[in-house]
Amino acid sequence: MTSVAPVGDCLFCKIVAGDIPAEVVHSTERTVAFRDLNPQAPSHVLVVPRDHHENAAALAAADPEASAELVRTAAAVAGAEGHDDYRLVFNTGSGAGQTVFHAHLHLLAGRSFDWPPG
């Protein structure tokens, strides 16, 4: 595991460090999962790596196992919340809707989802 220093002004780094409160629902040695403050589904949880990487592509390039751990954590949270069906979303770049530039996976569950997403 490569350790990446937290970025001082990064919201998710501050949540991981415990400097900003969040409703944490699951954590592992490599990940923290917490409820989204602007939920888009009855279950909307963000799963972030403890180490700072700007986006999903940067995380996958630097630490592929951490990328896999995000998905494993999301599956564990979905199962704990009683969901067999769920959507996982990475937004990479502002044009795709990324607003916090710390890699994070959205776990969405508890409602039907259309395709393609809007």
PDB file of N, CA and C in Angstrom:
ATOM      1  N   MET A   1       0.849  -1.182   0.000  1.00  0.00           N
ATOM      2  CA  MET A   1       0.000   0.000   0.000  1.00  0.00           C
ATOM      3  C   MET A   1       0.887   1.236   0.000  1.00  0.00           C
ATOM      4  N   THR A   2       0.622   2.141  -0.928  1.00  0.00           N
ATOM      5  CA  THR A   2       1.354   3.390  -1.004  1.00  0.00           C
ATOM      6  C   THR A   2       0.615   4.426  -0.185  1.00  0.00           C
ATOM      7  N   SER A   3       1.299   5.093   0.695  1.00  0.00           N
ATOM      8  CA  SER A   3       0.659   6.121   1.498  1.00  0.00           C
ATOM      9  C   SER A   3       0.818   7.467   0.805  1.00  0.00           C
ATOM     10  N   VAL A   4      -0.289   8.154   0.659  1.00  0.00           N
ATOM     11  CA  VAL A   4      -0.290   9.465   0.020  1.00  0.00           C
ATOM     12  C   VAL A   4      -0.703  10.475   1.073  1.00  0.00           C
ATOM     13  N   ALA A   5       0.063  11.533   1.209  1.00  0.00           N
ATOM     14  CA  ALA A   5      -0.215  12.538   2.232  1.00  0.00           C
ATOM     15  C   ALA A   5      -1.553  13.205   1.980  1.00  0.00           C
ATOM     16  N   PRO A   6      -2.306  13.479   3.057  1.00  0.00           N
ATOM     17  CA  PRO A   6      -3.570  14.190   2.884  1.00  0.00           C
ATOM     18  C   PRO A   6      -3.317  15.587   2.317  1.00  0.00           C
ATOM     19  N   VAL A   7      -4.290  16.068   1.596  1.00  0.00           N
ATOM     20  CA  VAL A   7      -4.235  17.415   1.054  1.00  0.00           C
ATOM     21  C   VAL A   7      -4.959  18.314   2.053  1.00  0.00           C
ATOM     22  N   GLY A   8      -4.305  19.376   2.474  1.00  0.00           N
ATOM     23  CA  GLY A   8      -4.795  20.219   3.564  1.00  0.00           C
ATOM     24  C   GLY A   8      -6.208  20.736   3.432  1.00  0.00           C
ATOM     25  N   ASP A   9      -6.644  21.114   2.240  1.00  0.00           N
ATOM     26  CA  ASP A   9      -7.972  21.690   2.086  1.00  0.00           C
ATOM     27  C   ASP A   9      -8.998  20.693   1.546  1.00  0.00           C
ATOM     28  N   CYS A  10      -8.638  19.415   1.473  1.00  0.00           N
ATOM     29  CA  CYS A  10      -9.536  18.407   0.903  1.00  0.00           C
ATOM     30  C   CYS A  10     -10.595  17.991   1.923  1.00  0.00           C
ATOM     31  N   LEU A  11     -11.847  18.168   1.562  1.00  0.00           N
ATOM     32  CA  LEU A  11     -12.961  17.823   2.433  1.00  0.00           C
ATOM     33  C   LEU A  11     -12.916  16.355   2.851  1.00  0.00           C
ATOM     34  N   PHE A  12     -12.677  15.456   1.912  1.00  0.00           N
ATOM     35  CA  PHE A  12     -12.702  14.033   2.248  1.00  0.00           C
ATOM     36  C   PHE A  12     -11.487  13.636   3.083  1.00  0.00           C
ATOM     37  N   CYS A  13     -10.338  14.262   2.873  1.00  0.00           N
ATOM     38  CA  CYS A  13      -9.192  14.004   3.748  1.00  0.00           C
ATOM     39  C   CYS A  13      -9.533  14.400   5.188  1.00  0.00           C
ATOM     40  N   LYS A  14     -10.251  15.504   5.336  1.00  0.00           N
ATOM     41  CA  LYS A  14     -10.639  15.964   6.679  1.00  0.00           C
ATOM     42  C   LYS A  14     -11.652  15.021   7.313  1.00  0.00           C
ATOM     43  N   ILE A  15     -12.561  14.463   6.526  1.00  0.00           N
ATOM     44  CA  ILE A  15     -13.510  13.475   7.051  1.00  0.00           C
ATOM     45  C   ILE A  15     -12.763  12.216   7.472  1.00  0.00           C
ATOM     46  N   VAL A  16     -11.857  11.732   6.634  1.00  0.00           N
ATOM     47  CA  VAL A  16     -11.075  10.536   6.955  1.00  0.00           C
ATOM     48  C   VAL A  16     -10.289  10.748   8.248  1.00  0.00           C
ATOM     49  N   ALA A  17      -9.735  11.938   8.433  1.00  0.00           N
ATOM     50  CA  ALA A  17      -8.939  12.249   9.625  1.00  0.00           C
ATOM     51  C   ALA A  17      -9.809  12.463  10.866  1.00  0.00           C
ATOM     52  N   GLY A  18     -11.124  12.601  10.672  1.00  0.00           N
ATOM     53  CA  GLY A  18     -12.017  12.859  11.801  1.00  0.00           C
ATOM     54  C   GLY A  18     -12.119  14.324  12.168  1.00  0.00           C
ATOM     55  N   ASP A  19     -11.573  15.202  11.330  1.00  0.00           N
ATOM     56  CA  ASP A  19     -11.622  16.638  11.596  1.00  0.00           C
ATOM     57  C   ASP A  19     -12.974  17.250  11.253  1.00  0.00           C
ATOM     58  N   ILE A  20     -13.705  16.606  10.363  1.00  0.00           N
ATOM     59  CA  ILE A  20     -15.057  17.031   9.989  1.00  0.00           C
ATOM     60  C   ILE A  20     -15.961  15.838  10.237  1.00  0.00           C
ATOM     61  N   PRO A  21     -17.069  16.049  10.957  1.00  0.00           N
ATOM     62  CA  PRO A  21     -17.954  14.916  11.242  1.00  0.00           C
ATOM     63  C   PRO A  21     -18.680  14.427   9.998  1.00  0.00           C
ATOM     64  N   ALA A  22     -18.932  13.134   9.982  1.00  0.00           N
ATOM     65  CA  ALA A  22     -19.704  12.496   8.917  1.00  0.00           C
ATOM     66  C   ALA A  22     -20.376  11.276   9.532  1.00  0.00           C
ATOM     67  N   GLU A  23     -21.465  10.835   8.914  1.00  0.00           N
ATOM     68  CA  GLU A  23     -22.137   9.624   9.373  1.00  0.00           C
ATOM     69  C   GLU A  23     -21.437   8.420   8.730  1.00  0.00           C
ATOM     70  N   VAL A  24     -20.391   7.955   9.390  1.00  0.00           N
ATOM     71  CA  VAL A  24     -19.607   6.824   8.890  1.00  0.00           C
ATOM     72  C   VAL A  24     -20.406   5.544   9.113  1.00  0.00           C
ATOM     73  N   VAL A  25     -20.562   4.771   8.040  1.00  0.00           N
ATOM     74  CA  VAL A  25     -21.326   3.524   8.127  1.00  0.00           C
ATOM     75  C   VAL A  25     -20.446   2.290   8.042  1.00  0.00           C
ATOM     76  N   HIS A  26     -19.198   2.458   7.596  1.00  0.00           N
ATOM     77  CA  HIS A  26     -18.289   1.316   7.461  1.00  0.00           C
ATOM     78  C   HIS A  26     -16.879   1.865   7.267  1.00  0.00           C
ATOM     79  N   SER A  27     -15.907   1.159   7.791  1.00  0.00           N
ATOM     80  CA  SER A  27     -14.528   1.546   7.516  1.00  0.00           C
ATOM     81  C   SER A  27     -13.645   0.310   7.524  1.00  0.00           C
ATOM     82  N   THR A  28     -12.578   0.403   6.772  1.00  0.00           N
ATOM     83  CA  THR A  28     -11.572  -0.650   6.726  1.00  0.00           C
ATOM     84  C   THR A  28     -10.217   0.036   6.890  1.00  0.00           C
ATOM     85  N   GLU A  29      -9.181  -0.753   6.830  1.00  0.00           N
ATOM     86  CA  GLU A  29      -7.833  -0.189   6.917  1.00  0.00           C
ATOM     87  C   GLU A  29      -7.576   0.804   5.780  1.00  0.00           C
ATOM     88  N   ARG A  30      -8.221   0.585   4.637  1.00  0.00           N
ATOM     89  CA  ARG A  30      -7.959   1.408   3.449  1.00  0.00           C
ATOM     90  C   ARG A  30      -9.092   2.333   3.047  1.00  0.00           C
ATOM     91  N   THR A  31     -10.307   2.133   3.594  1.00  0.00           N
ATOM     92  CA  THR A  31     -11.465   2.899   3.132  1.00  0.00           C
ATOM     93  C   THR A  31     -12.303   3.438   4.285  1.00  0.00           C
ATOM     94  N   VAL A  32     -13.084   4.466   3.959  1.00  0.00           N
ATOM     95  CA  VAL A  32     -14.104   5.002   4.859  1.00  0.00           C
ATOM     96  C   VAL A  32     -15.362   5.204   4.021  1.00  0.00           C
ATOM     97  N   ALA A  33     -16.500   4.741   4.538  1.00  0.00           N
ATOM     98  CA  ALA A  33     -17.784   4.899   3.848  1.00  0.00           C
ATOM     99  C   ALA A  33     -18.696   5.734   4.736  1.00  0.00           C
ATOM    100  N   PHE A  34     -19.304   6.765   4.153  1.00  0.00           N
ATOM    101  CA  PHE A  34     -20.165   7.666   4.926  1.00  0.00           C
ATOM    102  C   PHE A  34     -21.321   8.142   4.057  1.00  0.00           C
ATOM    103  N   ARG A  35     -22.400   8.543   4.710  1.00  0.00           N
ATOM    104  CA  ARG A  35     -23.605   8.985   4.003  1.00  0.00           C
ATOM    105  C   ARG A  35     -23.349  10.304   3.268  1.00  0.00           C
ATOM    106  N   ASP A  36     -23.884  10.383   2.059  1.00  0.00           N
ATOM    107  CA  ASP A  36     -23.807  11.606   1.271  1.00  0.00           C
ATOM    108  C   ASP A  36     -24.755  12.636   1.875  1.00  0.00           C
ATOM    109  N   LEU A  37     -24.320  13.881   1.960  1.00  0.00           N
ATOM    110  CA  LEU A  37     -25.162  14.941   2.521  1.00  0.00           C
ATOM    111  C   LEU A  37     -26.269  15.382   1.576  1.00  0.00           C
ATOM    112  N   ASN A  38     -26.140  15.036   0.296  1.00  0.00           N
ATOM    113  CA  ASN A  38     -27.151  15.377  -0.710  1.00  0.00           C
ATOM    114  C   ASN A  38     -27.572  14.088  -1.407  1.00  0.00           C
ATOM    115  N   PRO A  39     -28.295  13.209  -0.684  1.00  0.00           N
ATOM    116  CA  PRO A  39     -28.575  11.876  -1.235  1.00  0.00           C
ATOM    117  C   PRO A  39     -29.448  11.910  -2.485  1.00  0.00           C
ATOM    118  N   GLN A  40     -29.077  11.051  -3.435  1.00  0.00           N
ATOM    119  CA  GLN A  40     -29.815  10.908  -4.686  1.00  0.00           C
ATOM    120  C   GLN A  40     -30.602   9.601  -4.726  1.00  0.00           C
ATOM    121  N   ALA A  41     -30.604   8.878  -3.608  1.00  0.00           N
ATOM    122  CA  ALA A  41     -31.338   7.615  -3.472  1.00  0.00           C
ATOM    123  C   ALA A  41     -31.537   7.386  -1.970  1.00  0.00           C
ATOM    124  N   PRO A  42     -32.482   6.516  -1.596  1.00  0.00           N
ATOM    125  CA  PRO A  42     -32.673   6.241  -0.169  1.00  0.00           C
ATOM    126  C   PRO A  42     -31.382   5.820   0.535  1.00  0.00           C
ATOM    127  N   SER A  43     -30.551   5.047  -0.132  1.00  0.00           N
ATOM    128  CA  SER A  43     -29.211   4.739   0.373  1.00  0.00           C
ATOM    129  C   SER A  43     -28.214   5.375  -0.584  1.00  0.00           C
ATOM    130  N   HIS A  44     -27.490   6.362  -0.095  1.00  0.00           N
ATOM    131  CA  HIS A  44     -26.450   7.019  -0.904  1.00  0.00           C
ATOM    132  C   HIS A  44     -25.241   7.195   0.001  1.00  0.00           C
ATOM    133  N   VAL A  45     -24.255   6.359  -0.235  1.00  0.00           N
ATOM    134  CA  VAL A  45     -23.054   6.326   0.592  1.00  0.00           C
ATOM    135  C   VAL A  45     -21.848   6.598  -0.298  1.00  0.00           C
ATOM    136  N   LEU A  46     -20.924   7.401   0.199  1.00  0.00           N
ATOM    137  CA  LEU A  46     -19.667   7.646  -0.488  1.00  0.00           C
ATOM    138  C   LEU A  46     -18.602   6.752   0.131  1.00  0.00           C
ATOM    139  N   VAL A  47     -17.846   6.084  -0.706  1.00  0.00           N
ATOM    140  CA  VAL A  47     -16.749   5.237  -0.238  1.00  0.00           C
ATOM    141  C   VAL A  47     -15.466   5.870  -0.752  1.00  0.00           C
ATOM    142  N   VAL A  48     -14.581   6.237   0.174  1.00  0.00           N
ATOM    143  CA  VAL A  48     -13.352   6.933  -0.196  1.00  0.00           C
ATOM    144  C   VAL A  48     -12.133   6.155   0.286  1.00  0.00           C
ATOM    145  N   PRO A  49     -11.037   6.248  -0.452  1.00  0.00           N
ATOM    146  CA  PRO A  49      -9.794   5.678   0.069  1.00  0.00           C
ATOM    147  C   PRO A  49      -9.258   6.600   1.163  1.00  0.00           C
ATOM    148  N   ARG A  50      -8.602   6.021   2.137  1.00  0.00           N
ATOM    149  CA  ARG A  50      -8.001   6.843   3.194  1.00  0.00           C
ATOM    150  C   ARG A  50      -6.891   7.728   2.628  1.00  0.00           C
ATOM    151  N   ASP A  51      -6.170   7.242   1.635  1.00  0.00           N
ATOM    152  CA  ASP A  51      -5.124   8.031   0.995  1.00  0.00           C
ATOM    153  C   ASP A  51      -5.733   8.927  -0.067  1.00  0.00           C
ATOM    154  N   HIS A  52      -5.159  10.094  -0.233  1.00  0.00           N
ATOM    155  CA  HIS A  52      -5.668  11.059  -1.205  1.00  0.00           C
ATOM    156  C   HIS A  52      -5.153  10.749  -2.607  1.00  0.00           C
ATOM    157  N   HIS A  53      -6.107  10.605  -3.523  1.00  0.00           N
ATOM    158  CA  HIS A  53      -5.842  10.520  -4.960  1.00  0.00           C
ATOM    159  C   HIS A  53      -6.908  11.377  -5.606  1.00  0.00           C
ATOM    160  N   GLU A  54      -6.548  12.136  -6.613  1.00  0.00           N
ATOM    161  CA  GLU A  54      -7.454  13.131  -7.181  1.00  0.00           C
ATOM    162  C   GLU A  54      -8.750  12.546  -7.741  1.00  0.00           C
ATOM    163  N   ASN A  55      -8.664  11.386  -8.371  1.00  0.00           N
ATOM    164  CA  ASN A  55      -9.861  10.811  -8.980  1.00  0.00           C
ATOM    165  C   ASN A  55      -9.673   9.300  -9.127  1.00  0.00           C
ATOM    166  N   ALA A  56     -10.676   8.638  -9.669  1.00  0.00           N
ATOM    167  CA  ALA A  56     -10.655   7.181  -9.784  1.00  0.00           C
ATOM    168  C   ALA A  56      -9.514   6.694 -10.671  1.00  0.00           C
ATOM    169  N   ALA A  57      -9.237   7.410 -11.743  1.00  0.00           N
ATOM    170  CA  ALA A  57      -8.155   6.993 -12.647  1.00  0.00           C
ATOM    171  C   ALA A  57      -6.803   7.098 -11.952  1.00  0.00           C
ATOM    172  N   ALA A  58      -6.594   8.178 -11.217  1.00  0.00           N
ATOM    173  CA  ALA A  58      -5.330   8.344 -10.495  1.00  0.00           C
ATOM    174  C   ALA A  58      -5.189   7.271  -9.417  1.00  0.00           C
ATOM    175  N   LEU A  59      -6.278   6.941  -8.733  1.00  0.00           N
ATOM    176  CA  LEU A  59      -6.250   5.894  -7.712  1.00  0.00           C
ATOM    177  C   LEU A  59      -5.903   4.547  -8.346  1.00  0.00           C
ATOM    178  N   ALA A  60      -6.562   4.210  -9.438  1.00  0.00           N
ATOM    179  CA  ALA A  60      -6.325   2.925 -10.101  1.00  0.00           C
ATOM    180  C   ALA A  60      -4.879   2.808 -10.584  1.00  0.00           C
ATOM    181  N   ALA A  61      -4.318   3.896 -11.074  1.00  0.00           N
ATOM    182  CA  ALA A  61      -2.938   3.879 -11.551  1.00  0.00           C
ATOM    183  C   ALA A  61      -1.953   3.720 -10.391  1.00  0.00           C
ATOM    184  N   ALA A  62      -2.219   4.397  -9.283  1.00  0.00           N
ATOM    185  CA  ALA A  62      -1.284   4.393  -8.157  1.00  0.00           C
ATOM    186  C   ALA A  62      -1.458   3.192  -7.235  1.00  0.00           C
ATOM    187  N   ASP A  63      -2.702   2.734  -7.075  1.00  0.00           N
ATOM    188  CA  ASP A  63      -2.972   1.688  -6.079  1.00  0.00           C
ATOM    189  C   ASP A  63      -4.195   0.869  -6.501  1.00  0.00           C
ATOM    190  N   PRO A  64      -4.028  -0.040  -7.463  1.00  0.00           N
ATOM    191  CA  PRO A  64      -5.164  -0.815  -7.966  1.00  0.00           C
ATOM    192  C   PRO A  64      -5.895  -1.591  -6.868  1.00  0.00           C
ATOM    193  N   GLU A  65      -5.180  -2.073  -5.880  1.00  0.00           N
ATOM    194  CA  GLU A  65      -5.837  -2.814  -4.796  1.00  0.00           C
ATOM    195  C   GLU A  65      -6.782  -1.911  -4.006  1.00  0.00           C
ATOM    196  N   ALA A  66      -6.442  -0.640  -3.848  1.00  0.00           N
ATOM    197  CA  ALA A  66      -7.338   0.293  -3.161  1.00  0.00           C
ATOM    198  C   ALA A  66      -8.626   0.487  -3.968  1.00  0.00           C
ATOM    199  N   SER A  67      -8.505   0.500  -5.296  1.00  0.00           N
ATOM    200  CA  SER A  67      -9.711   0.596  -6.137  1.00  0.00           C
ATOM    201  C   SER A  67     -10.622  -0.601  -5.894  1.00  0.00           C
ATOM    202  N   ALA A  68     -10.041  -1.784  -5.843  1.00  0.00           N
ATOM    203  CA  ALA A  68     -10.827  -2.989  -5.574  1.00  0.00           C
ATOM    204  C   ALA A  68     -11.434  -2.941  -4.179  1.00  0.00           C
ATOM    205  N   GLU A  69     -10.704  -2.409  -3.225  1.00  0.00           N
ATOM    206  CA  GLU A  69     -11.212  -2.306  -1.850  1.00  0.00           C
ATOM    207  C   GLU A  69     -12.418  -1.373  -1.778  1.00  0.00           C
ATOM    208  N   LEU A  70     -12.449  -0.324  -2.589  1.00  0.00           N
ATOM    209  CA  LEU A  70     -13.623   0.554  -2.614  1.00  0.00           C
ATOM    210  C   LEU A  70     -14.857  -0.242  -3.018  1.00  0.00           C
ATOM    211  N   VAL A  71     -14.729  -1.075  -4.036  1.00  0.00           N
ATOM    212  CA  VAL A  71     -15.862  -1.873  -4.510  1.00  0.00           C
ATOM    213  C   VAL A  71     -16.267  -2.905  -3.464  1.00  0.00           C
ATOM    214  N   ARG A  72     -15.288  -3.547  -2.834  1.00  0.00           N
ATOM    215  CA  ARG A  72     -15.614  -4.514  -1.768  1.00  0.00           C
ATOM    216  C   ARG A  72     -16.333  -3.828  -0.607  1.00  0.00           C
ATOM    217  N   THR A  73     -15.879  -2.646  -0.234  1.00  0.00           N
ATOM    218  CA  THR A  73     -16.528  -1.901   0.849  1.00  0.00           C
ATOM    219  C   THR A  73     -17.951  -1.528   0.463  1.00  0.00           C
ATOM    220  N   ALA A  74     -18.150  -1.057  -0.767  1.00  0.00           N
ATOM    221  CA  ALA A  74     -19.491  -0.703  -1.231  1.00  0.00           C
ATOM    222  C   ALA A  74     -20.418  -1.914  -1.187  1.00  0.00           C
ATOM    223  N   ALA A  75     -19.921  -3.070  -1.605  1.00  0.00           N
ATOM    224  CA  ALA A  75     -20.736  -4.293  -1.568  1.00  0.00           C
ATOM    225  C   ALA A  75     -21.099  -4.658  -0.133  1.00  0.00           C
ATOM    226  N   ALA A  76     -20.166  -4.499   0.787  1.00  0.00           N
ATOM    227  CA  ALA A  76     -20.434  -4.800   2.195  1.00  0.00           C
ATOM    228  C   ALA A  76     -21.501  -3.858   2.756  1.00  0.00           C
ATOM    229  N   VAL A  77     -21.411  -2.588   2.419  1.00  0.00           N
ATOM    230  CA  VAL A  77     -22.403  -1.610   2.892  1.00  0.00           C
ATOM    231  C   VAL A  77     -23.772  -1.929   2.294  1.00  0.00           C
ATOM    232  N   ALA A  78     -23.825  -2.188   0.996  1.00  0.00           N
ATOM    233  CA  ALA A  78     -25.103  -2.515   0.353  1.00  0.00           C
ATOM    234  C   ALA A  78     -25.733  -3.728   1.029  1.00  0.00           C
ATOM    235  N   GLY A  79     -24.953  -4.770   1.252  1.00  0.00           N
ATOM    236  CA  GLY A  79     -25.465  -5.966   1.908  1.00  0.00           C
ATOM    237  C   GLY A  79     -25.952  -5.686   3.320  1.00  0.00           C
ATOM    238  N   ALA A  80     -25.195  -4.891   4.069  1.00  0.00           N
ATOM    239  CA  ALA A  80     -25.578  -4.558   5.445  1.00  0.00           C
ATOM    240  C   ALA A  80     -26.878  -3.765   5.486  1.00  0.00           C
ATOM    241  N   GLU A  81     -27.143  -3.021   4.417  1.00  0.00           N
ATOM    242  CA  GLU A  81     -28.364  -2.213   4.361  1.00  0.00           C
ATOM    243  C   GLU A  81     -29.498  -2.958   3.655  1.00  0.00           C
ATOM    244  N   GLY A  82     -29.274  -4.232   3.323  1.00  0.00           N
ATOM    245  CA  GLY A  82     -30.325  -5.071   2.761  1.00  0.00           C
ATOM    246  C   GLY A  82     -30.554  -4.923   1.271  1.00  0.00           C
ATOM    247  N   HIS A  83     -29.561  -4.433   0.551  1.00  0.00           N
ATOM    248  CA  HIS A  83     -29.719  -4.217  -0.890  1.00  0.00           C
ATOM    249  C   HIS A  83     -28.949  -5.261  -1.696  1.00  0.00           C
ATOM    250  N   ASP A  84     -29.669  -5.989  -2.544  1.00  0.00           N
ATOM    251  CA  ASP A  84     -29.043  -6.890  -3.504  1.00  0.00           C
ATOM    252  C   ASP A  84     -28.741  -6.166  -4.813  1.00  0.00           C
ATOM    253  N   ASP A  85     -29.540  -5.137  -5.105  1.00  0.00           N
ATOM    254  CA  ASP A  85     -29.393  -4.343  -6.324  1.00  0.00           C
ATOM    255  C   ASP A  85     -28.909  -2.957  -5.936  1.00  0.00           C
ATOM    256  N   TYR A  86     -27.872  -2.495  -6.609  1.00  0.00           N
ATOM    257  CA  TYR A  86     -27.350  -1.163  -6.307  1.00  0.00           C
ATOM    258  C   TYR A  86     -26.528  -0.670  -7.486  1.00  0.00           C
ATOM    259  N   ARG A  87     -26.268   0.615  -7.492  1.00  0.00           N
ATOM    260  CA  ARG A  87     -25.459   1.232  -8.544  1.00  0.00           C
ATOM    261  C   ARG A  87     -24.201   1.797  -7.911  1.00  0.00           C
ATOM    262  N   LEU A  88     -23.066   1.618  -8.601  1.00  0.00           N
ATOM    263  CA  LEU A  88     -21.797   2.207  -8.196  1.00  0.00           C
ATOM    264  C   LEU A  88     -21.387   3.211  -9.263  1.00  0.00           C
ATOM    265  N   VAL A  89     -20.985   4.414  -8.831  1.00  0.00           N
ATOM    266  CA  VAL A  89     -20.646   5.483  -9.770  1.00  0.00           C
ATOM    267  C   VAL A  89     -19.353   6.165  -9.335  1.00  0.00           C
ATOM    268  N   PHE A  90     -18.420   6.282 -10.264  1.00  0.00           N
ATOM    269  CA  PHE A  90     -17.251   7.144 -10.116  1.00  0.00           C
ATOM    270  C   PHE A  90     -17.454   8.324 -11.052  1.00  0.00           C
ATOM    271  N   ASN A  91     -17.326   9.534 -10.574  1.00  0.00           N
ATOM    272  CA  ASN A  91     -17.279  10.715 -11.429  1.00  0.00           C
ATOM    273  C   ASN A  91     -15.821  11.158 -11.467  1.00  0.00           C
ATOM    274  N   THR A  92     -15.264  11.273 -12.660  1.00  0.00           N
ATOM    275  CA  THR A  92     -13.869  11.661 -12.796  1.00  0.00           C
ATOM    276  C   THR A  92     -13.790  12.920 -13.638  1.00  0.00           C
ATOM    277  N   GLY A  93     -13.468  14.039 -12.997  1.00  0.00           N
ATOM    278  CA  GLY A  93     -13.380  15.339 -13.652  1.00  0.00           C
ATOM    279  C   GLY A  93     -14.646  16.149 -13.467  1.00  0.00           C
ATOM    280  N   SER A  94     -14.485  17.454 -13.490  1.00  0.00           N
ATOM    281  CA  SER A  94     -15.615  18.350 -13.256  1.00  0.00           C
ATOM    282  C   SER A  94     -16.700  18.205 -14.323  1.00  0.00           C
ATOM    283  N   GLY A  95     -16.314  17.889 -15.569  1.00  0.00           N
ATOM    284  CA  GLY A  95     -17.295  17.706 -16.629  1.00  0.00           C
ATOM    285  C   GLY A  95     -18.206  16.515 -16.400  1.00  0.00           C
ATOM    286  N   ALA A  96     -17.761  15.583 -15.584  1.00  0.00           N
ATOM    287  CA  ALA A  96     -18.557  14.392 -15.255  1.00  0.00           C
ATOM    288  C   ALA A  96     -19.283  14.552 -13.927  1.00  0.00           C
ATOM    289  N   GLY A  97     -19.131  15.712 -13.282  1.00  0.00           N
ATOM    290  CA  GLY A  97     -19.840  15.967 -12.036  1.00  0.00           C
ATOM    291  C   GLY A  97     -19.007  15.819 -10.775  1.00  0.00           C
ATOM    292  N   GLN A  98     -17.704  15.573 -10.901  1.00  0.00           N
ATOM    293  CA  GLN A  98     -16.875  15.464  -9.705  1.00  0.00           C
ATOM    294  C   GLN A  98     -16.713  16.852  -9.099  1.00  0.00           C
ATOM    295  N   THR A  99     -17.070  16.988  -7.820  1.00  0.00           N
ATOM    296  CA  THR A  99     -16.964  18.278  -7.136  1.00  0.00           C
ATOM    297  C   THR A  99     -15.936  18.253  -6.011  1.00  0.00           C
ATOM    298  N   VAL A 100     -15.629  17.076  -5.485  1.00  0.00           N
ATOM    299  CA  VAL A 100     -14.563  16.928  -4.496  1.00  0.00           C
ATOM    300  C   VAL A 100     -13.479  16.090  -5.160  1.00  0.00           C
ATOM    301  N   PHE A 101     -12.286  16.654  -5.250  1.00  0.00           N
ATOM    302  CA  PHE A 101     -11.227  16.006  -6.016  1.00  0.00           C
ATOM    303  C   PHE A 101     -10.354  15.114  -5.120  1.00  0.00           C
ATOM    304  N   HIS A 102     -11.054  14.152  -4.547  1.00  0.00           N
ATOM    305  CA  HIS A 102     -10.492  13.029  -3.789  1.00  0.00           C
ATOM    306  C   HIS A 102     -11.303  11.850  -4.311  1.00  0.00           C
ATOM    307  N   ALA A 103     -10.650  10.846  -4.851  1.00  0.00           N
ATOM    308  CA  ALA A 103     -11.367   9.715  -5.448  1.00  0.00           C
ATOM    309  C   ALA A 103     -12.465   9.233  -4.506  1.00  0.00           C
ATOM    310  N   HIS A 104     -13.633   8.981  -5.062  1.00  0.00           N
ATOM    311  CA  HIS A 104     -14.737   8.454  -4.251  1.00  0.00           C
ATOM    312  C   HIS A 104     -15.729   7.719  -5.135  1.00  0.00           C
ATOM    313  N   LEU A 105     -16.317   6.709  -4.542  1.00  0.00           N
ATOM    314  CA  LEU A 105     -17.294   5.854  -5.201  1.00  0.00           C
ATOM    315  C   LEU A 105     -18.649   6.113  -4.567  1.00  0.00           C
ATOM    316  N   HIS A 106     -19.647   6.400  -5.401  1.00  0.00           N
ATOM    317  CA  HIS A 106     -21.019   6.563  -4.925  1.00  0.00           C
ATOM    318  C   HIS A 106     -21.705   5.203  -4.938  1.00  0.00           C
ATOM    319  N   LEU A 107     -22.266   4.817  -3.817  1.00  0.00           N
ATOM    320  CA  LEU A 107     -23.132   3.650  -3.716  1.00  0.00           C
ATOM    321  C   LEU A 107     -24.554   4.172  -3.623  1.00  0.00           C
ATOM    322  N   LEU A 108     -25.384   3.816  -4.601  1.00  0.00           N
ATOM    323  CA  LEU A 108     -26.782   4.245  -4.643  1.00  0.00           C
ATOM    324  C   LEU A 108     -27.677   3.018  -4.643  1.00  0.00           C
ATOM    325  N   ALA A 109     -28.687   3.021  -3.772  1.00  0.00           N
ATOM    326  CA  ALA A 109     -29.582   1.863  -3.681  1.00  0.00           C
ATOM    327  C   ALA A 109     -30.908   2.299  -3.077  1.00  0.00           C
ATOM    328  N   GLY A 110     -31.883   1.411  -3.215  1.00  0.00           N
ATOM    329  CA  GLY A 110     -33.181   1.660  -2.590  1.00  0.00           C
ATOM    330  C   GLY A 110     -34.226   2.257  -3.504  1.00  0.00           C
ATOM    331  N   ARG A 111     -33.911   2.404  -4.781  1.00  0.00           N
ATOM    332  CA  ARG A 111     -34.895   2.863  -5.775  1.00  0.00           C
ATOM    333  C   ARG A 111     -34.487   2.323  -7.123  1.00  0.00           C
ATOM    334  N   SER A 112     -35.379   2.433  -8.098  1.00  0.00           N
ATOM    335  CA  SER A 112     -35.061   2.013  -9.468  1.00  0.00           C
ATOM    336  C   SER A 112     -34.200   3.069 -10.142  1.00  0.00           C
ATOM    337  N   PHE A 113     -33.335   2.614 -11.037  1.00  0.00           N
ATOM    338  CA  PHE A 113     -32.469   3.522 -11.782  1.00  0.00           C
ATOM    339  C   PHE A 113     -32.692   3.316 -13.270  1.00  0.00           C
ATOM    340  N   ASP A 114     -32.813   4.417 -13.994  1.00  0.00           N
ATOM    341  CA  ASP A 114     -32.961   4.377 -15.443  1.00  0.00           C
ATOM    342  C   ASP A 114     -31.601   4.291 -16.097  1.00  0.00           C
ATOM    343  N   TRP A 115     -31.609   3.870 -17.359  1.00  0.00           N
ATOM    344  CA  TRP A 115     -30.397   3.863 -18.155  1.00  0.00           C
ATOM    345  C   TRP A 115     -30.696   4.471 -19.499  1.00  0.00           C
ATOM    346  N   PRO A 116     -29.885   5.346 -20.027  1.00  0.00           N
ATOM    347  CA  PRO A 116     -28.646   5.813 -19.420  1.00  0.00           C
ATOM    348  C   PRO A 116     -28.915   6.818 -18.301  1.00  0.00           C
ATOM    349  N   PRO A 117     -27.968   6.960 -17.379  1.00  0.00           N
ATOM    350  CA  PRO A 117     -28.148   7.922 -16.303  1.00  0.00           C
ATOM    351  C   PRO A 117     -28.136   9.337 -16.880  1.00  0.00           C
ATOM    352  N   GLY A 118     -28.778  10.245 -16.199  1.00  0.00           N
ATOM    353  CA  GLY A 118     -28.878  11.620 -16.697  1.00  0.00           C
ATOM    354  C   GLY A 118     -27.861  12.535 -16.157  1.00  0.00           C
TER     355      GLY A 118
END
